[in-house]
C-alpha cells in the first residue's frame, strides 16, 4: 500500500515539474491574444536612398522612422509606422519589396507589448 502511495506522489511531482519547466517557454511566444512589437526601421529604406542588402523600399511622407514589426504568432509579417501625431499606420506591400503608407490610422500596435 505504501509503495502505491509513493509511486503516486512521485508521479505527481514529476508531472508538476514538467509543467513548470514548460510554462516559461510557452509564455515567451507572441500569440494572437498577446502580440509583441519591436522596432524594425533598419529593414527599410526611402525610395531615393542607395540600395542596402536585405532592405525594402518604403514610400512614406515620414521616411523610415518609427517603424515596428508586429508579431501576433501567426507567422506573417506585419509592419506599422507611427506618424508625428502618435497615430499608427499600416504598411502595405503592393509590389515585391515595395511598401506603401496607408493614410488611415490603425490601433493594432496599441494592443501589443514592446518586445
N, C-alpha and C. Protein backbone atom coordinates (compact mmCIF):
# COMPACT_ATOMS: atom_id res chain seq x y z
N UNK A 1 0.82 -1.19 0.00
CA UNK A 1 0.00 0.00 0.00
C UNK A 1 0.86 1.26 0.00
N UNK A 2 1.93 1.27 0.83
CA UNK A 2 2.79 2.44 0.89
C UNK A 2 3.50 2.68 -0.43
N UNK A 3 3.89 1.62 -1.11
CA UNK A 3 4.61 1.78 -2.37
C UNK A 3 3.70 2.40 -3.44
N UNK A 4 2.42 2.09 -3.40
CA UNK A 4 1.48 2.68 -4.36
C UNK A 4 1.33 4.17 -4.10
N UNK A 5 1.28 4.56 -2.84
CA UNK A 5 1.17 5.98 -2.49
C UNK A 5 2.45 6.71 -2.89
N UNK A 6 3.60 6.09 -2.64
CA UNK A 6 4.87 6.72 -3.02
C UNK A 6 4.95 6.89 -4.53
N UNK A 7 4.55 5.88 -5.28
CA UNK A 7 4.58 5.99 -6.74
C UNK A 7 3.63 7.10 -7.22
N UNK A 8 2.49 7.21 -6.60
CA UNK A 8 1.54 8.26 -6.98
C UNK A 8 2.08 9.64 -6.69
N UNK A 9 2.69 9.80 -5.50
CA UNK A 9 3.27 11.10 -5.16
C UNK A 9 4.45 11.46 -6.06
N UNK A 10 5.30 10.48 -6.36
CA UNK A 10 6.43 10.77 -7.24
C UNK A 10 5.96 11.08 -8.66
N UNK A 11 4.92 10.41 -9.13
CA UNK A 11 4.37 10.72 -10.46
C UNK A 11 3.79 12.13 -10.49
N UNK A 12 3.09 12.53 -9.44
CA UNK A 12 2.54 13.88 -9.36
C UNK A 12 3.65 14.93 -9.33
N UNK A 13 4.73 14.63 -8.60
CA UNK A 13 5.86 15.56 -8.54
C UNK A 13 6.54 15.70 -9.91
N UNK A 14 6.67 14.61 -10.63
CA UNK A 14 7.29 14.65 -11.96
C UNK A 14 6.41 15.45 -12.93
N UNK A 15 5.12 15.24 -12.88
CA UNK A 15 4.20 15.99 -13.76
C UNK A 15 4.24 17.48 -13.43
N UNK A 16 4.24 17.82 -12.15
CA UNK A 16 4.28 19.23 -11.75
C UNK A 16 5.59 19.87 -12.20
N UNK A 17 6.70 19.16 -12.08
CA UNK A 17 7.99 19.69 -12.52
C UNK A 17 8.01 19.88 -14.04
N UNK A 18 7.42 18.96 -14.78
CA UNK A 18 7.35 19.09 -16.23
C UNK A 18 6.51 20.27 -16.67
N UNK A 19 5.39 20.48 -16.03
CA UNK A 19 4.53 21.62 -16.36
C UNK A 19 5.23 22.93 -16.02
N UNK A 20 5.91 22.99 -14.90
CA UNK A 20 6.63 24.19 -14.50
C UNK A 20 7.76 24.49 -15.47
N UNK A 21 8.44 23.48 -15.96
CA UNK A 21 9.54 23.69 -16.91
C UNK A 21 9.04 24.19 -18.25
N UNK A 22 7.85 23.80 -18.68
CA UNK A 22 7.31 24.22 -19.97
C UNK A 22 6.64 25.59 -19.92
N UNK A 23 6.19 26.04 -18.78
CA UNK A 23 5.43 27.28 -18.69
C UNK A 23 6.20 28.52 -19.17
N UNK A 24 7.46 28.75 -18.78
CA UNK A 24 8.14 29.95 -19.27
C UNK A 24 8.31 29.97 -20.79
N UNK A 25 8.56 28.84 -21.41
CA UNK A 25 8.73 28.79 -22.86
C UNK A 25 7.43 29.12 -23.57
N UNK A 26 6.33 28.68 -23.05
CA UNK A 26 5.04 28.95 -23.68
C UNK A 26 4.65 30.42 -23.53
N UNK A 27 4.99 31.04 -22.44
CA UNK A 27 4.62 32.43 -22.22
C UNK A 27 5.48 33.39 -23.04
N UNK A 28 6.65 32.96 -23.49
CA UNK A 28 7.56 33.85 -24.20
C UNK A 28 7.15 34.07 -25.65
N UNK A 29 6.39 33.19 -26.24
CA UNK A 29 5.99 33.32 -27.64
C UNK A 29 4.80 34.25 -27.79
N UNK A 30 4.85 35.16 -28.79
CA UNK A 30 3.67 36.01 -29.02
C UNK A 30 2.50 35.18 -29.51
N UNK A 31 1.32 35.59 -29.14
CA UNK A 31 0.10 34.94 -29.60
C UNK A 31 -0.87 36.01 -30.08
N UNK A 32 -1.95 35.56 -30.67
CA UNK A 32 -2.99 36.47 -31.14
C UNK A 32 -3.52 37.32 -29.98
N UNK A 33 -3.53 36.74 -28.79
CA UNK A 33 -4.07 37.44 -27.63
C UNK A 33 -3.01 38.24 -26.88
N UNK A 34 -1.74 38.02 -27.19
CA UNK A 34 -0.65 38.75 -26.55
C UNK A 34 0.43 39.07 -27.58
N UNK A 35 0.13 39.96 -28.57
CA UNK A 35 1.10 40.28 -29.61
C UNK A 35 2.25 41.13 -29.08
N UNK A 36 3.35 41.15 -29.83
CA UNK A 36 4.55 41.89 -29.45
C UNK A 36 4.99 42.77 -30.62
N UNK A 37 5.43 43.99 -30.32
CA UNK A 37 6.00 44.85 -31.35
C UNK A 37 7.46 45.14 -31.01
N UNK A 38 8.29 45.21 -32.05
CA UNK A 38 9.70 45.52 -31.90
C UNK A 38 10.10 46.54 -32.96
N UNK A 39 11.05 47.42 -32.65
CA UNK A 39 11.49 48.39 -33.65
C UNK A 39 12.16 47.67 -34.83
N UNK A 40 11.86 48.11 -36.05
CA UNK A 40 12.50 47.48 -37.21
C UNK A 40 12.65 48.44 -38.38
N UNK A 41 12.96 49.69 -38.09
CA UNK A 41 13.20 50.67 -39.15
C UNK A 41 14.40 50.28 -40.01
N UNK A 42 15.31 49.49 -39.45
CA UNK A 42 16.51 49.10 -40.18
C UNK A 42 16.22 48.19 -41.38
N UNK A 43 15.00 47.67 -41.48
CA UNK A 43 14.64 46.79 -42.60
C UNK A 43 14.18 47.55 -43.83
N UNK A 44 14.07 48.88 -43.73
CA UNK A 44 13.51 49.68 -44.82
C UNK A 44 14.43 50.82 -45.18
N UNK A 45 14.25 51.32 -46.41
CA UNK A 45 14.97 52.50 -46.89
C UNK A 45 14.02 53.34 -47.71
N UNK A 46 14.29 54.64 -47.79
CA UNK A 46 13.48 55.56 -48.59
C UNK A 46 13.75 55.31 -50.07
N UNK A 47 12.83 55.70 -50.94
CA UNK A 47 12.99 55.44 -52.37
C UNK A 47 14.26 56.04 -52.99
N UNK A 48 14.72 57.18 -52.48
CA UNK A 48 15.89 57.83 -53.07
C UNK A 48 17.20 57.43 -52.40
N UNK A 49 17.16 56.61 -51.36
CA UNK A 49 18.38 56.14 -50.71
C UNK A 49 19.05 55.07 -51.56
N UNK A 50 20.34 54.95 -51.38
CA UNK A 50 21.08 53.90 -52.08
C UNK A 50 20.64 52.53 -51.57
N UNK A 51 20.55 51.54 -52.45
CA UNK A 51 20.15 50.19 -52.02
C UNK A 51 21.10 49.63 -50.96
N UNK A 52 20.52 48.96 -49.98
CA UNK A 52 21.29 48.25 -48.95
C UNK A 52 20.85 46.81 -48.94
N UNK A 53 21.72 45.90 -48.59
CA UNK A 53 21.33 44.49 -48.56
C UNK A 53 20.19 44.24 -47.58
N UNK A 54 19.25 43.39 -47.99
CA UNK A 54 18.13 42.95 -47.15
C UNK A 54 17.25 44.09 -46.66
N UNK A 55 17.04 45.11 -47.48
CA UNK A 55 16.10 46.19 -47.14
C UNK A 55 15.07 46.33 -48.25
N UNK A 56 13.88 46.74 -47.86
CA UNK A 56 12.81 47.01 -48.81
C UNK A 56 12.60 48.51 -48.90
N UNK A 57 12.04 48.94 -50.01
CA UNK A 57 11.74 50.36 -50.21
C UNK A 57 10.41 50.67 -49.55
N UNK A 58 10.37 51.79 -48.84
CA UNK A 58 9.14 52.22 -48.17
C UNK A 58 8.79 53.63 -48.60
N UNK A 59 7.65 53.77 -49.23
CA UNK A 59 7.15 55.04 -49.73
C UNK A 59 6.26 55.67 -48.66
N UNK A 60 6.80 56.66 -47.94
CA UNK A 60 6.06 57.28 -46.85
C UNK A 60 6.46 58.75 -46.72
N UNK A 61 5.52 59.63 -46.36
CA UNK A 61 5.89 61.02 -46.12
C UNK A 61 6.72 61.21 -44.86
N UNK A 62 6.82 60.18 -44.02
CA UNK A 62 7.58 60.27 -42.77
C UNK A 62 8.91 59.54 -42.83
N UNK A 63 9.34 59.12 -44.01
CA UNK A 63 10.60 58.41 -44.14
C UNK A 63 10.52 57.02 -43.55
N UNK A 64 11.60 56.58 -42.95
CA UNK A 64 11.63 55.22 -42.39
C UNK A 64 11.74 55.24 -40.86
N UNK A 65 11.38 56.34 -40.23
CA UNK A 65 11.44 56.44 -38.77
C UNK A 65 10.20 55.80 -38.15
N UNK A 66 10.36 55.31 -36.92
CA UNK A 66 9.26 54.79 -36.09
C UNK A 66 8.50 53.63 -36.73
N UNK A 67 9.20 52.73 -37.38
CA UNK A 67 8.58 51.53 -37.95
C UNK A 67 8.73 50.39 -36.95
N UNK A 68 7.65 49.63 -36.75
CA UNK A 68 7.69 48.49 -35.83
C UNK A 68 7.23 47.23 -36.56
N UNK A 69 7.76 46.10 -36.11
CA UNK A 69 7.31 44.79 -36.56
C UNK A 69 6.25 44.32 -35.57
N UNK A 70 5.13 43.89 -36.06
CA UNK A 70 4.01 43.44 -35.23
C UNK A 70 3.94 41.92 -35.34
N UNK A 71 4.20 41.22 -34.25
CA UNK A 71 4.21 39.75 -34.25
C UNK A 71 3.07 39.24 -33.38
N UNK A 72 2.11 38.59 -34.04
CA UNK A 72 0.98 38.02 -33.30
C UNK A 72 1.04 36.50 -33.26
N UNK A 73 2.19 35.95 -33.61
CA UNK A 73 2.37 34.50 -33.55
C UNK A 73 1.82 33.76 -34.75
N UNK A 74 1.28 34.47 -35.74
CA UNK A 74 0.69 33.80 -36.91
C UNK A 74 1.73 33.44 -37.96
N UNK A 75 2.92 34.03 -37.88
CA UNK A 75 3.96 33.76 -38.85
C UNK A 75 3.98 34.73 -40.01
N UNK A 76 3.00 35.62 -40.12
CA UNK A 76 3.00 36.61 -41.18
C UNK A 76 3.65 37.90 -40.67
N UNK A 77 4.33 38.60 -41.57
CA UNK A 77 4.99 39.83 -41.18
C UNK A 77 4.03 41.00 -41.31
N UNK A 78 3.90 41.76 -40.26
CA UNK A 78 3.06 42.95 -40.25
C UNK A 78 3.91 44.12 -39.79
N UNK A 79 3.84 45.23 -40.51
CA UNK A 79 4.63 46.41 -40.18
C UNK A 79 3.71 47.60 -40.02
N UNK A 80 4.06 48.46 -39.06
CA UNK A 80 3.31 49.68 -38.81
C UNK A 80 4.29 50.82 -38.59
N UNK A 81 3.85 52.04 -38.90
CA UNK A 81 4.66 53.22 -38.68
C UNK A 81 3.86 54.23 -37.87
N UNK A 82 4.52 54.84 -36.89
CA UNK A 82 3.88 55.89 -36.07
C UNK A 82 4.16 57.24 -36.73
N UNK A 83 3.11 58.03 -36.90
CA UNK A 83 3.28 59.35 -37.51
C UNK A 83 3.68 60.38 -36.45
N UNK A 84 3.83 61.63 -36.85
CA UNK A 84 4.28 62.69 -35.94
C UNK A 84 3.28 62.99 -34.83
N UNK A 85 2.02 62.62 -35.01
CA UNK A 85 0.97 62.90 -34.04
C UNK A 85 0.64 61.70 -33.17
N UNK A 86 1.39 60.62 -33.31
CA UNK A 86 1.20 59.44 -32.47
C UNK A 86 0.29 58.38 -33.03
N UNK A 87 -0.26 58.58 -34.23
CA UNK A 87 -1.13 57.58 -34.84
C UNK A 87 -0.34 56.50 -35.56
N UNK A 88 -0.84 55.28 -35.54
CA UNK A 88 -0.21 54.16 -36.24
C UNK A 88 -0.81 54.00 -37.62
N UNK A 89 0.03 53.65 -38.59
CA UNK A 89 -0.41 53.43 -39.97
C UNK A 89 0.14 52.10 -40.46
N UNK A 90 -0.72 51.33 -41.07
CA UNK A 90 -0.34 50.04 -41.65
C UNK A 90 0.57 50.28 -42.86
N UNK A 91 1.43 49.31 -43.14
CA UNK A 91 2.30 49.36 -44.31
C UNK A 91 1.91 48.22 -45.23
N UNK A 92 1.50 48.55 -46.45
CA UNK A 92 1.09 47.53 -47.42
C UNK A 92 2.18 47.29 -48.44
N UNK A 93 2.40 46.03 -48.76
CA UNK A 93 3.36 45.67 -49.80
C UNK A 93 2.56 45.44 -51.09
N UNK A 94 2.59 46.43 -51.98
CA UNK A 94 1.82 46.34 -53.21
C UNK A 94 2.60 45.68 -54.34
N UNK A 95 3.91 45.70 -54.26
CA UNK A 95 4.79 45.00 -55.20
C UNK A 95 5.92 44.40 -54.36
N UNK A 96 6.54 43.33 -54.81
CA UNK A 96 7.61 42.72 -54.01
C UNK A 96 8.72 43.73 -53.67
N UNK A 97 8.96 43.91 -52.38
CA UNK A 97 10.00 44.83 -51.92
C UNK A 97 9.60 46.29 -51.94
N UNK A 98 8.33 46.61 -52.22
CA UNK A 98 7.83 47.98 -52.29
C UNK A 98 6.66 48.15 -51.31
N UNK A 99 6.91 48.78 -50.19
CA UNK A 99 5.88 49.01 -49.18
C UNK A 99 5.36 50.43 -49.29
N UNK A 100 4.05 50.59 -49.04
CA UNK A 100 3.40 51.88 -49.16
C UNK A 100 2.66 52.21 -47.88
N UNK A 101 2.63 53.50 -47.56
CA UNK A 101 2.00 54.06 -46.38
C UNK A 101 0.48 54.07 -46.56
N UNK A 102 -0.25 53.63 -45.55
CA UNK A 102 -1.72 53.67 -45.57
C UNK A 102 -2.15 54.93 -44.82
N UNK A 103 -3.01 55.74 -45.44
CA UNK A 103 -3.37 57.03 -44.84
C UNK A 103 -4.29 56.90 -43.62
N UNK A 104 -4.99 55.78 -43.50
CA UNK A 104 -5.91 55.60 -42.38
C UNK A 104 -5.18 55.10 -41.15
N UNK A 105 -5.58 55.60 -39.98
CA UNK A 105 -4.97 55.17 -38.71
C UNK A 105 -5.37 53.75 -38.35
N UNK A 106 -4.52 53.11 -37.57
CA UNK A 106 -4.78 51.77 -37.07
C UNK A 106 -4.53 51.76 -35.58
N UNK A 107 -5.21 50.86 -34.86
CA UNK A 107 -4.99 50.73 -33.42
C UNK A 107 -4.32 49.42 -33.06
N UNK A 108 -3.94 48.63 -34.05
CA UNK A 108 -3.36 47.31 -33.78
C UNK A 108 -2.13 47.37 -32.86
N UNK A 109 -1.10 48.21 -33.13
CA UNK A 109 0.06 48.20 -32.25
C UNK A 109 -0.22 48.65 -30.83
N UNK A 110 -1.29 49.41 -30.61
CA UNK A 110 -1.63 49.82 -29.25
C UNK A 110 -2.02 48.65 -28.37
N UNK A 111 -2.42 47.55 -28.98
CA UNK A 111 -2.84 46.36 -28.23
C UNK A 111 -1.69 45.41 -27.94
N UNK A 112 -0.48 45.77 -28.38
CA UNK A 112 0.68 44.88 -28.21
C UNK A 112 1.61 45.42 -27.13
N UNK A 113 2.50 44.55 -26.68
CA UNK A 113 3.54 44.95 -25.74
C UNK A 113 4.86 45.06 -26.48
N UNK A 114 5.75 45.89 -25.98
CA UNK A 114 7.07 46.06 -26.60
C UNK A 114 7.95 44.87 -26.24
N UNK A 115 8.60 44.33 -27.25
CA UNK A 115 9.46 43.16 -27.03
C UNK A 115 10.91 43.46 -27.20
